[in-house]
Amino acid sequence: AGAMPEEEATGEKRPRPEDDDEEDKVDAHAKKSARERDIPQRVDCPYLGTINRNVLDFDFEKLCSVSLSGENVYVDLVDGKYFQGRGRETHAHRHALEKGHYVWMNVQDGKVYCIPDGYEVVDKSLDDIKFNLTPSFDSEEIEQTSLKVRYAKALDGTDYIPGCIGLNNIQNSDYQNVVVQCICCVIPLRNYLLAYEAPKERKPDPVLLCLAELVRKMYNPRNFKGLVSPHEFYQAIGQATSKKFYANQKDPVALYSWLMGYLHKKMKAKDGNSLVHDVFQGEVQVKLCPATDEARVIESKEKTLLLTLELPDEPLFKDNLDFIPQVPLFNLLEKFNGEKPFETIAKGGESREIRRYSLRRLPPYVVFVVKRFRNNNFFIEKNPTIVTFPLKGLDMRDYIHPDCQPANPETKYDLVANVCHDGKPEKGTYKVQVFHSPTSQWFEIHDLRVTAVLPQMVALTESYVQVYQRQDVKSNGSFGKFEMPIPEINTEVDTGIAAEIEMAPEDLAEAGIIIG
């Protein structure tokens, strides 16, 4: 007869593997806490003079230089390299003995240790390094961000303005840099990111966490360098999009649309609203009719996070070679006056449709996208027409549907960010002009280069994306929420053609409406 199984012989059931894992985790946590309690602390470390702040760079991914692991990583405060572990036989221990570098900092909690002696260093002179590792702001500092003028000096003597700082270009990432700079101009979203704390009970979202860390580093008044490298944010975006936005030049509008949808999903409250939708989401009314019978109109309303504006075609016959066409922004905004027809070919290509647009609700921040690029059968064309626009006091009242005007009492907007495209369609670069409200000064930020520009020069660029801020948005990020209900639209639909003229998502996107 075969031997009896062990659990039958003893009458006990063997614990499941997951129970073992849970017990191991609890034991490991208890051992770690006990180890931390046993670590001696000293204030008289003789090696503090070897720390070199000029080589410390906390912008890059905190991965061990040898094992490429992100677990239990320490940074060598003498040469700025990352290594794993602290005990014997670890990469950090080996590097400390080989190079004679004895002062190390844990990149998770900011505690400083002397390796291989094994004691924790407690010294006030290390606070600036800990602050640079994880900058933090209290509520009073965040409120003063849009009011108080702050100037700062890096270790190498370069002057910079916190919040108006250059971002490193990592493999054609200028399109990502301009989107981040635009987010910093949106006061409610910027204040949320400055105050963001990762949840302790669950794993934080990497994109939201890296974006918040990046914004805090951009506003850090004690930065060792006069620039910030968005390396971790770049990697997080690449992983979250399966490398769609990675290592290649892309469209900042596509990144903005994806990022806002992603942040809305991660920041969404139980009622379905989020700060992203409170700040950016407006409402557009669309009147749709077949080109053959304009009497049959279908009205619909669509939520939108951006408004696209169509440029008129470039003239074929120019008076001279230096001629650059110009068009006022108000001409482009006539698209939303409710009367201007836009003819499109319906899905399937069998019939033509006419659409007319008007605005129903204006958000605190309006994002305009000027459609400069057009993809024909052979290559991408760029329309060089210059759009002239007001920097302050853009009034949108004329483009609101008459029934909805009482629900939008504040309709005046000021420009806060202007993204431009320089060069050819495929190889050009993106730069952004931002309004720095504490100094009331315009700055042009092209990757690492930050230069002050005159307001008159802002209106002479090939604008691609513009961010306008409603005038009732206060310096602390609060804005008026108008509770007056927006009247519902009356849809008189002929049932015979309702199914025939149904708007598909790609048609809405073509019409300048991004569905939230």
Protein backbone atom coordinates (compact mmCIF):
# COMPACT_ATOMS: atom_id res chain seq x y z
CA ALA A 1 0.00 0.00 0.00
CA GLY A 2 1.24 3.52 -0.81
CA ALA A 3 2.20 5.92 1.97
CA MET A 4 -0.55 8.24 3.25
CA PRO A 5 -0.29 11.94 2.34
CA GLU A 6 1.19 14.06 5.11
CA GLU A 7 -1.96 16.12 5.75
CA GLU A 8 -4.09 12.95 6.08
CA ALA A 9 -1.61 11.40 8.51
CA THR A 10 -1.49 14.49 10.73
CA GLY A 11 -5.12 15.52 10.21
CA GLU A 12 -4.04 19.11 9.36
CA LYS A 13 -4.39 20.95 6.09
CA ARG A 14 -1.27 22.44 4.58
CA PRO A 15 -1.65 26.28 4.29
CA ARG A 16 -2.25 27.70 0.82
CA PRO A 17 0.72 29.34 -0.98
CA GLU A 18 -0.95 32.80 -0.83
CA ASP A 19 -1.25 32.49 2.95
CA ASP A 20 2.47 31.76 3.01
CA ASP A 21 3.10 34.90 0.95
CA GLU A 22 1.01 37.05 3.30
CA GLU A 23 2.81 35.64 6.34
CA ASP A 24 6.18 36.23 4.67
CA LYS A 25 5.24 39.86 3.93
CA VAL A 26 4.16 40.45 7.55
CA ASP A 27 7.33 38.79 8.85
CA ALA A 28 9.52 40.82 6.46
CA HIS A 29 7.80 44.07 7.51
CA ALA A 30 8.23 43.20 11.21
CA LYS A 31 11.92 42.33 10.68
CA LYS A 32 12.49 45.56 8.73
CA SER A 33 10.86 47.63 11.51
CA ALA A 34 12.98 45.84 14.10
CA ARG A 35 16.13 46.45 12.00
CA GLU A 36 15.30 50.16 11.68
CA ARG A 37 14.85 50.42 15.45
CA ASP A 38 18.24 48.79 15.99
CA ILE A 39 20.15 51.13 13.64
CA PRO A 40 22.32 53.53 15.70
CA GLN A 41 22.12 57.26 14.94
CA ARG A 42 25.07 59.66 14.91
CA VAL A 43 25.37 63.41 14.43
CA ASP A 44 29.18 63.50 14.09
CA CYS A 45 29.73 61.65 10.79
CA PRO A 46 33.30 62.44 9.64
CA TYR A 47 32.45 61.95 5.95
CA LEU A 48 29.88 64.76 5.48
CA GLY A 49 32.56 66.90 3.84
CA THR A 50 32.83 64.43 0.94
CA ILE A 51 29.25 65.10 -0.27
CA ASN A 52 29.20 66.70 -3.75
CA ARG A 53 25.89 68.47 -4.41
CA ASN A 54 26.91 69.42 -7.97
CA VAL A 55 26.66 65.82 -9.21
CA LEU A 56 23.34 64.96 -7.51
CA ASP A 57 20.50 64.56 -10.02
CA PHE A 58 17.17 63.23 -8.73
CA ASP A 59 15.34 63.70 -12.05
CA PHE A 60 16.33 60.36 -13.53
CA GLU A 61 14.76 57.00 -12.76
CA LYS A 62 15.91 55.67 -9.40
CA LEU A 63 17.25 52.33 -10.61
CA CYS A 64 20.35 50.43 -9.48
CA SER A 65 23.24 51.01 -11.93
CA VAL A 66 24.14 47.29 -11.84
CA SER A 67 20.93 45.28 -11.36
CA LEU A 68 18.50 47.87 -12.90
CA SER A 69 16.10 47.14 -10.02
CA GLY A 70 14.03 49.83 -8.35
CA GLU A 71 13.78 48.03 -4.99
CA ASN A 72 15.65 49.38 -1.97
CA VAL A 73 17.80 51.84 -3.97
CA TYR A 74 20.34 54.19 -2.39
CA VAL A 75 22.10 57.16 -3.99
CA ASP A 76 25.81 57.76 -3.45
CA LEU A 77 26.01 61.39 -2.25
CA VAL A 78 29.64 61.63 -3.43
CA ASP A 79 29.25 60.73 -7.13
CA GLY A 80 25.43 60.71 -7.58
CA LYS A 81 25.12 57.07 -8.75
CA TYR A 82 22.32 54.74 -7.70
CA PHE A 83 22.94 51.30 -6.21
CA GLN A 84 20.82 48.67 -4.51
CA GLY A 85 20.93 47.56 -0.88
CA ARG A 86 22.83 48.61 2.22
CA GLY A 87 24.02 45.37 3.83
CA ARG A 88 26.98 43.17 3.02
CA GLU A 89 27.26 41.63 -0.45
CA THR A 90 25.04 44.36 -1.95
CA HIS A 91 26.01 46.55 -4.89
CA ALA A 92 25.99 49.72 -2.75
CA HIS A 93 28.23 48.09 -0.10
CA ARG A 94 30.70 46.94 -2.78
CA HIS A 95 30.77 50.39 -4.45
CA ALA A 96 31.32 52.10 -1.08
CA LEU A 97 34.38 49.96 -0.33
CA GLU A 98 35.82 50.15 -3.87
CA LYS A 99 35.54 53.94 -4.24
CA GLY A 100 35.70 55.08 -0.63
CA HIS A 101 32.28 56.77 -0.83
CA TYR A 102 30.64 56.35 2.57
CA VAL A 103 27.58 58.67 2.68
CA TRP A 104 24.39 57.25 1.09
CA MET A 105 20.74 58.27 0.99
CA ASN A 106 17.66 56.06 0.65
CA VAL A 107 15.65 57.40 -2.33
CA GLN A 108 12.32 56.32 -0.78
CA ASP A 109 12.38 57.92 2.68
CA GLY A 110 15.38 60.29 2.38
CA LYS A 111 17.26 58.80 5.35
CA VAL A 112 21.07 59.11 5.16
CA TYR A 113 23.36 56.25 6.19
CA CYS A 114 27.07 55.68 6.46
CA ILE A 115 28.07 52.50 4.60
CA PRO A 116 29.78 50.20 5.59
CA ASP A 117 29.73 51.47 9.22
CA GLY A 118 25.93 51.00 9.24
CA TYR A 119 24.73 54.00 11.27
CA GLU A 120 22.16 56.63 10.32
CA VAL A 121 23.46 60.19 9.89
CA VAL A 122 21.28 62.86 11.54
CA ASP A 123 22.38 66.33 10.47
CA LYS A 124 20.50 69.52 9.57
CA SER A 125 22.94 70.27 6.73
CA LEU A 126 21.38 67.39 4.76
CA ASP A 127 17.89 68.94 4.69
CA ASP A 128 18.48 70.70 1.36
CA ILE A 129 19.34 67.37 -0.30
CA LYS A 130 16.22 65.74 1.18
CA PHE A 131 14.07 68.66 -0.04
CA ASN A 132 15.49 68.30 -3.57
CA LEU A 133 14.73 64.57 -3.52
CA THR A 134 11.04 65.19 -2.72
CA PRO A 135 10.05 68.88 -2.84
CA SER A 136 6.87 69.67 -0.90
CA PHE A 137 4.70 72.75 -0.48
CA ASP A 138 2.24 73.75 2.22
CA SER A 139 -1.14 75.29 1.44
CA GLU A 140 0.04 78.86 2.06
CA GLU A 141 2.97 78.50 -0.37
CA ILE A 142 0.66 77.02 -3.02
CA GLU A 143 -1.78 79.94 -2.67
CA GLN A 144 1.07 82.44 -3.04
CA THR A 145 2.43 80.76 -6.21
CA SER A 146 0.45 83.03 -8.55
CA LEU A 147 1.08 86.20 -6.50
CA LYS A 148 4.56 86.17 -5.01
CA VAL A 149 7.55 86.90 -7.27
CA ARG A 150 10.33 84.41 -6.53
CA TYR A 151 13.81 84.35 -8.02
CA ALA A 152 16.26 81.54 -7.36
CA LYS A 153 19.90 80.73 -8.02
CA ALA A 154 21.27 77.29 -8.88
CA LEU A 155 24.53 75.88 -7.45
CA ASP A 156 26.45 76.89 -10.58
CA GLY A 157 25.22 80.49 -10.24
CA THR A 158 22.55 80.50 -12.97
CA ASP A 159 19.41 82.47 -12.17
CA TYR A 160 15.98 80.98 -12.75
CA ILE A 161 12.35 81.64 -11.86
CA PRO A 162 10.62 78.69 -10.11
CA GLY A 163 7.68 77.61 -12.25
CA CYS A 164 9.12 79.22 -15.38
CA ILE A 165 11.97 76.81 -15.93
CA GLY A 166 13.37 74.92 -18.91
CA LEU A 167 12.69 71.22 -19.48
CA ASN A 168 15.23 68.86 -20.99
CA ASN A 169 14.45 67.47 -24.46
CA ILE A 170 14.68 63.66 -24.30
CA GLN A 171 14.50 62.10 -27.79
CA ASN A 172 12.19 64.63 -29.50
CA SER A 173 10.08 65.19 -26.40
CA ASP A 174 9.51 68.91 -27.08
CA TYR A 175 5.80 68.15 -27.71
CA GLN A 176 5.55 66.68 -24.17
CA ASN A 177 7.40 69.64 -22.67
CA VAL A 178 4.95 72.18 -24.10
CA VAL A 179 1.95 70.22 -22.72
CA VAL A 180 3.54 70.16 -19.24
CA GLN A 181 4.26 73.91 -19.45
CA CYS A 182 0.60 74.52 -20.43
CA ILE A 183 -0.58 72.45 -17.42
CA CYS A 184 1.53 74.70 -15.17
CA CYS A 185 -0.46 77.70 -16.48
CA VAL A 186 -3.78 76.13 -15.42
CA ILE A 187 -3.94 77.27 -11.78
CA PRO A 188 -6.47 74.73 -10.30
CA LEU A 189 -4.72 71.74 -11.92
CA ARG A 190 -1.26 73.04 -11.00
CA ASN A 191 -2.28 73.59 -7.36
CA TYR A 192 -3.76 70.07 -7.20
CA LEU A 193 -0.48 68.58 -8.48
CA LEU A 194 1.65 70.68 -6.10
CA ALA A 195 -0.40 69.41 -3.14
CA TYR A 196 -0.79 65.82 -4.43
CA GLU A 197 0.11 63.07 -2.00
CA ALA A 198 0.30 59.46 -3.18
CA PRO A 199 -2.24 57.16 -1.46
CA LYS A 200 -0.71 54.92 1.19
CA GLU A 201 -3.31 52.12 1.00
CA ARG A 202 -2.79 51.30 -2.69
CA LYS A 203 -0.15 51.61 -5.36
CA PRO A 204 -0.20 55.14 -6.83
CA ASP A 205 -0.79 55.68 -10.53
CA PRO A 206 2.66 56.17 -12.14
CA VAL A 207 1.60 58.86 -14.66
CA LEU A 208 -0.19 61.02 -12.07
CA LEU A 209 2.60 60.51 -9.52
CA CYS A 210 5.39 61.39 -11.99
CA LEU A 211 3.47 64.42 -13.31
CA ALA A 212 2.96 65.72 -9.75
CA GLU A 213 6.65 65.17 -8.93
CA LEU A 214 7.68 66.93 -12.15
CA VAL A 215 5.50 69.99 -11.42
CA ARG A 216 6.84 70.17 -7.84
CA LYS A 217 10.43 70.07 -9.15
CA MET A 218 9.61 72.86 -11.63
CA TYR A 219 8.39 75.06 -8.75
CA ASN A 220 11.24 74.07 -6.40
CA PRO A 221 12.92 77.33 -5.20
CA ARG A 222 15.97 75.42 -3.88
CA ASN A 223 16.81 73.42 -7.01
CA PHE A 224 20.49 72.51 -7.39
CA LYS A 225 20.21 73.05 -11.18
CA GLY A 226 18.42 75.75 -13.15
CA LEU A 227 16.54 73.15 -15.21
CA VAL A 228 14.42 70.01 -14.81
CA SER A 229 14.66 66.73 -16.71
CA PRO A 230 11.21 65.09 -17.22
CA HIS A 231 12.77 61.63 -17.48
CA GLU A 232 10.44 59.73 -15.12
CA PHE A 233 7.31 61.35 -16.61
CA TYR A 234 8.57 60.50 -20.11
CA GLN A 235 9.03 56.85 -19.14
CA ALA A 236 5.63 56.68 -17.39
CA ILE A 237 3.86 58.09 -20.48
CA GLY A 238 5.71 55.60 -22.71
CA GLN A 239 4.67 52.64 -20.55
CA ALA A 240 1.04 53.78 -20.15
CA THR A 241 0.60 54.27 -23.93
CA SER A 242 2.53 51.15 -25.02
CA LYS A 243 5.25 53.48 -26.39
CA LYS A 244 2.89 55.43 -28.63
CA PHE A 245 4.28 58.67 -27.17
CA TYR A 246 7.90 57.62 -26.92
CA ALA A 247 11.17 58.41 -28.75
CA ASN A 248 9.44 60.08 -31.73
CA GLN A 249 8.05 63.51 -32.55
CA LYS A 250 4.27 63.48 -32.00
CA ASP A 251 1.37 65.90 -32.02
CA PRO A 252 0.95 67.77 -28.68
CA VAL A 253 -2.83 67.86 -29.26
CA ALA A 254 -2.94 64.05 -29.38
CA LEU A 255 -0.92 63.87 -26.14
CA TYR A 256 -3.14 66.52 -24.49
CA SER A 257 -6.32 64.61 -25.46
CA TRP A 258 -4.93 61.31 -24.17
CA LEU A 259 -3.49 62.81 -20.97
CA MET A 260 -6.66 64.68 -20.02
CA GLY A 261 -8.78 61.56 -20.58
CA TYR A 262 -6.33 59.50 -18.52
CA LEU A 263 -6.16 62.01 -15.65
CA HIS A 264 -9.97 62.30 -15.63
CA LYS A 265 -10.23 58.53 -15.22
CA LYS A 266 -7.69 58.48 -12.37
CA MET A 267 -9.00 61.58 -10.55
CA LYS A 268 -12.70 60.82 -10.99
CA ALA A 269 -14.92 61.15 -7.91
CA LYS A 270 -17.89 58.89 -7.13
CA ASP A 271 -20.30 61.25 -8.90
CA GLY A 272 -18.29 60.91 -12.14
CA ASN A 273 -16.85 64.44 -12.09
CA SER A 274 -13.17 65.31 -11.92
CA LEU A 275 -11.04 68.43 -11.69
CA VAL A 276 -10.03 67.98 -15.35
CA HIS A 277 -13.67 68.21 -16.51
CA ASP A 278 -14.44 71.07 -14.10
CA VAL A 279 -11.57 73.06 -15.60
CA PHE A 280 -11.63 72.20 -19.32
CA GLN A 281 -14.98 70.70 -20.25
CA GLY A 282 -17.37 72.87 -22.25
CA GLU A 283 -20.48 72.03 -24.24
CA VAL A 284 -21.12 72.51 -27.96
CA GLN A 285 -24.44 72.38 -29.79
CA VAL A 286 -24.35 70.74 -33.23
CA LYS A 287 -27.05 71.18 -35.88
CA LEU A 288 -26.83 68.47 -38.50
CA CYS A 289 -28.74 68.20 -41.75
CA PRO A 290 -28.28 66.46 -45.11
CA ALA A 291 -27.00 68.76 -47.87
CA THR A 292 -29.96 67.86 -50.08
CA ASP A 293 -32.63 68.83 -47.52
CA GLU A 294 -31.61 71.51 -45.03
CA ALA A 295 -35.08 71.56 -43.48
CA ARG A 296 -34.49 68.26 -41.68
CA VAL A 297 -32.25 69.27 -38.79
CA ILE A 298 -30.98 67.06 -36.00
CA GLU A 299 -29.72 68.95 -32.96
CA SER A 300 -27.34 67.38 -30.47
CA LYS A 301 -25.05 68.57 -27.69
CA GLU A 302 -21.56 67.27 -27.13
CA LYS A 303 -19.06 67.65 -24.30
CA THR A 304 -15.66 68.91 -25.42
CA LEU A 305 -12.22 69.48 -23.89
CA LEU A 306 -10.90 71.54 -26.82
CA LEU A 307 -12.21 73.59 -29.74
CA THR A 308 -10.65 73.22 -33.18
CA LEU A 309 -10.49 76.21 -35.51
CA GLU A 310 -10.15 75.80 -39.29
CA LEU A 311 -7.73 78.07 -41.11
CA PRO A 312 -8.69 79.38 -44.56
CA ASP A 313 -6.71 77.82 -47.41
CA GLU A 314 -3.44 79.44 -48.31
CA PRO A 315 -3.76 81.62 -51.47
CA LEU A 316 -2.39 79.96 -54.59
CA PHE A 317 -1.14 83.14 -56.24
CA LYS A 318 0.96 85.31 -53.95
CA ASP A 319 1.84 88.93 -54.76
CA ASN A 320 5.45 88.34 -53.70
CA LEU A 321 7.52 85.55 -52.20
CA ASP A 322 7.65 87.13 -48.75
CA PHE A 323 3.87 87.25 -48.47
CA ILE A 324 2.51 85.57 -45.32
CA PRO A 325 -1.29 85.50 -45.02
CA GLN A 326 -2.89 86.72 -41.79
CA VAL A 327 -6.32 86.11 -40.33
CA PRO A 328 -7.91 87.42 -37.09
CA LEU A 329 -8.95 84.87 -34.45
CA PHE A 330 -12.48 86.32 -34.56
CA ASN A 331 -12.82 85.13 -38.17
CA LEU A 332 -12.00 81.58 -37.07
CA LEU A 333 -14.39 81.79 -34.11
CA GLU A 334 -17.29 82.48 -36.49
CA LYS A 335 -17.41 78.70 -36.82
CA PHE A 336 -19.38 78.77 -33.54
CA ASN A 337 -21.88 81.50 -34.41
CA GLY A 338 -24.59 78.91 -35.14
CA GLU A 339 -25.02 80.02 -38.77
CA LYS A 340 -21.78 79.27 -40.61
CA PRO A 341 -22.21 75.95 -42.47
CA PHE A 342 -19.50 73.28 -42.52
CA GLU A 343 -19.97 70.69 -45.23
CA THR A 344 -18.58 67.20 -44.69
CA ILE A 345 -18.92 63.88 -46.46
CA ALA A 346 -21.02 61.50 -44.37
CA LYS A 347 -19.66 58.20 -43.18
CA GLY A 348 -19.59 55.81 -46.11
CA GLY A 349 -19.13 58.63 -48.61
CA GLU A 350 -22.62 58.35 -50.07
CA SER A 351 -24.06 61.68 -48.95
CA ARG A 352 -22.95 65.08 -47.77
CA GLU A 353 -23.89 66.67 -44.46
CA ILE A 354 -23.97 70.25 -43.25
CA ARG A 355 -23.11 71.08 -39.65
CA ARG A 356 -23.50 74.30 -37.69
CA TYR A 357 -21.95 74.85 -34.26
CA SER A 358 -22.67 77.08 -31.28
CA LEU A 359 -21.38 77.04 -27.70
CA ARG A 360 -23.64 76.10 -24.80
CA ARG A 361 -21.29 76.25 -21.83
CA LEU A 362 -17.90 77.94 -21.45
CA PRO A 363 -15.35 76.28 -19.15
CA PRO A 364 -12.91 78.23 -16.91
CA TYR A 365 -10.12 77.35 -19.37
CA VAL A 366 -10.72 77.20 -23.12
CA VAL A 367 -8.20 75.33 -25.31
CA PHE A 368 -8.16 76.36 -28.99
CA VAL A 369 -6.44 74.17 -31.58
CA VAL A 370 -5.65 75.87 -34.90
CA LYS A 371 -5.70 73.17 -37.60
CA ARG A 372 -2.42 73.95 -39.36
CA PHE A 373 -1.64 70.44 -40.58
CA ARG A 374 -3.46 68.56 -43.29
CA ASN A 375 -2.62 65.09 -44.46
CA ASN A 376 -3.09 64.66 -48.19
CA ASN A 377 -2.45 61.44 -50.09
CA PHE A 378 1.30 62.01 -50.28
CA PHE A 379 2.60 64.09 -47.37
CA ILE A 380 1.62 66.38 -44.50
CA GLU A 381 1.01 70.00 -45.47
CA LYS A 382 1.41 72.92 -43.10
CA ASN A 383 -0.58 76.13 -43.44
CA PRO A 384 1.71 79.06 -42.46
CA THR A 385 -1.14 81.57 -41.99
CA ILE A 386 -0.55 83.77 -38.93
CA VAL A 387 -3.53 84.11 -36.59
CA THR A 388 -3.77 87.49 -34.87
CA PHE A 389 -5.43 87.33 -31.46
CA PRO A 390 -5.98 89.47 -28.34
CA LEU A 391 -3.85 88.71 -25.28
CA LYS A 392 -6.51 90.03 -22.91
CA GLY A 393 -10.26 90.46 -22.97
CA LEU A 394 -11.31 87.92 -25.64
CA ASP A 395 -15.11 88.06 -25.43
CA MET A 396 -16.89 84.81 -26.33
CA ARG A 397 -20.44 86.09 -25.74
CA ASP A 398 -21.26 86.29 -29.47
CA TYR A 399 -20.59 82.56 -29.93
CA ILE A 400 -22.86 81.30 -27.14
CA HIS A 401 -26.28 79.97 -28.09
CA PRO A 402 -28.91 82.67 -27.25
CA ASP A 403 -30.80 80.30 -24.90
CA CYS A 404 -27.63 79.60 -22.88
CA GLN A 405 -26.32 83.14 -22.39
CA PRO A 406 -27.89 83.61 -18.90
CA ALA A 407 -26.03 80.47 -17.73
CA ASN A 408 -22.66 81.96 -18.84
CA PRO A 409 -22.43 85.36 -17.12
CA GLU A 410 -18.61 85.62 -17.44
CA THR A 411 -17.44 85.37 -21.07
CA LYS A 412 -14.14 87.28 -21.16
CA TYR A 413 -10.84 85.41 -21.39
CA ASP A 414 -7.11 86.21 -21.11
CA LEU A 415 -4.38 84.23 -22.88
CA VAL A 416 -2.04 82.29 -20.54
CA ALA A 417 -0.22 79.90 -22.92
CA ASN A 418 0.49 79.82 -26.64
CA VAL A 419 2.10 76.76 -28.29
CA CYS A 420 3.85 77.44 -31.61
CA HIS A 421 5.33 75.21 -34.27
CA ASP A 422 8.53 76.17 -36.08
CA GLY A 423 9.91 74.50 -39.18
CA LYS A 424 8.62 71.85 -41.56
CA PRO A 425 5.62 69.64 -40.67
CA GLU A 426 7.59 66.43 -40.03
CA LYS A 427 10.83 67.88 -38.63
CA GLY A 428 9.76 71.08 -36.87
CA THR A 429 9.95 71.84 -33.17
CA TYR A 430 7.40 73.03 -30.64
CA LYS A 431 7.89 75.89 -28.22
CA VAL A 432 5.53 77.62 -25.82
CA GLN A 433 5.00 81.19 -24.71
CA VAL A 434 3.59 81.45 -21.18
CA PHE A 435 2.31 84.34 -19.11
CA HIS A 436 4.01 84.48 -15.70
CA SER A 437 1.38 86.20 -13.57
CA PRO A 438 3.55 87.21 -10.52
CA THR A 439 5.86 89.26 -12.76
CA SER A 440 3.17 90.04 -15.42
CA GLN A 441 5.80 89.05 -17.99
CA TRP A 442 5.69 86.81 -21.07
CA PHE A 443 8.37 84.12 -21.39
CA GLU A 444 9.20 81.93 -24.37
CA ILE A 445 10.28 78.43 -23.32
CA HIS A 446 11.94 76.30 -25.98
CA ASP A 447 13.09 73.15 -24.15
CA LEU A 448 15.94 74.45 -21.91
CA ARG A 449 15.99 78.02 -23.22
CA VAL A 450 13.82 80.50 -21.29
CA THR A 451 13.74 84.06 -22.65
CA ALA A 452 11.57 87.06 -21.82
CA VAL A 453 9.55 88.29 -24.82
CA LEU A 454 7.45 91.35 -25.51
CA PRO A 455 3.68 90.80 -25.59
CA GLN A 456 3.62 92.12 -29.18
CA MET A 457 5.91 89.27 -30.28
CA VAL A 458 3.53 86.62 -28.95
CA ALA A 459 0.91 87.46 -31.57
CA LEU A 460 3.39 87.07 -34.48
CA THR A 461 4.04 83.34 -34.11
CA GLU A 462 2.50 80.36 -35.91
CA SER A 463 0.14 79.46 -33.06
CA TYR A 464 -1.00 75.87 -32.86
CA VAL A 465 -2.57 75.51 -29.39
CA GLN A 466 -3.82 78.34 -27.19
CA VAL A 467 -4.98 78.21 -23.58
CA TYR A 468 -7.30 81.03 -22.48
CA GLN A 469 -8.24 81.62 -18.83
CA ARG A 470 -11.62 83.04 -17.85
CA GLN A 471 -11.33 86.38 -16.04
CA ASP A 472 -13.20 85.17 -12.94
CA VAL A 473 -10.48 82.58 -12.13
CA LYS A 474 -8.78 83.82 -8.96
CA SER A 475 -5.09 83.60 -8.11
CA ASN A 476 -5.71 80.69 -5.70
CA GLY A 477 -7.36 78.63 -8.47
CA SER A 478 -11.00 79.08 -7.43
CA PHE A 479 -13.55 80.04 -10.08
CA GLY A 480 -17.25 80.78 -10.24
CA LYS A 481 -19.55 77.80 -10.72
CA PHE A 482 -22.74 79.08 -12.27
CA GLU A 483 -25.57 76.90 -11.08
CA MET A 484 -28.22 78.25 -13.47
CA PRO A 485 -29.40 75.24 -15.51
CA ILE A 486 -28.67 75.22 -19.21
CA PRO A 487 -31.93 74.78 -21.15
CA GLU A 488 -32.34 71.48 -22.94
CA ILE A 489 -32.43 71.49 -26.72
CA ASN A 490 -35.54 70.60 -28.66
CA THR A 491 -34.78 67.87 -31.13
CA GLU A 492 -37.28 67.64 -33.91
CA VAL A 493 -36.13 64.58 -35.73
CA ASP A 494 -37.67 62.93 -38.75
CA THR A 495 -37.63 59.26 -37.73
CA GLY A 496 -36.97 58.19 -41.31
CA ILE A 497 -33.49 59.65 -41.30
CA ALA A 498 -32.53 59.41 -37.62
CA ALA A 499 -30.57 56.22 -38.08
CA GLU A 500 -29.13 57.45 -41.35
CA ILE A 501 -27.51 60.60 -39.97
CA GLU A 502 -26.11 59.39 -36.70
CA MET A 503 -22.88 61.09 -35.72
CA ALA A 504 -19.99 58.70 -35.33
CA PRO A 505 -17.16 59.48 -32.87
CA GLU A 506 -14.63 60.00 -35.69
CA ASP A 507 -17.00 62.51 -37.32
CA LEU A 508 -17.27 64.40 -34.04
CA ALA A 509 -13.50 64.44 -33.68
CA GLU A 510 -13.21 65.78 -37.25
CA ALA A 511 -15.75 68.45 -36.32
CA GLY A 512 -13.51 69.65 -33.51
CA ILE A 513 -15.25 67.88 -30.66
CA ILE A 514 -13.31 65.48 -28.48
CA ILE A 515 -15.70 63.29 -26.52
CA GLY A 516 -14.70 63.22 -22.85
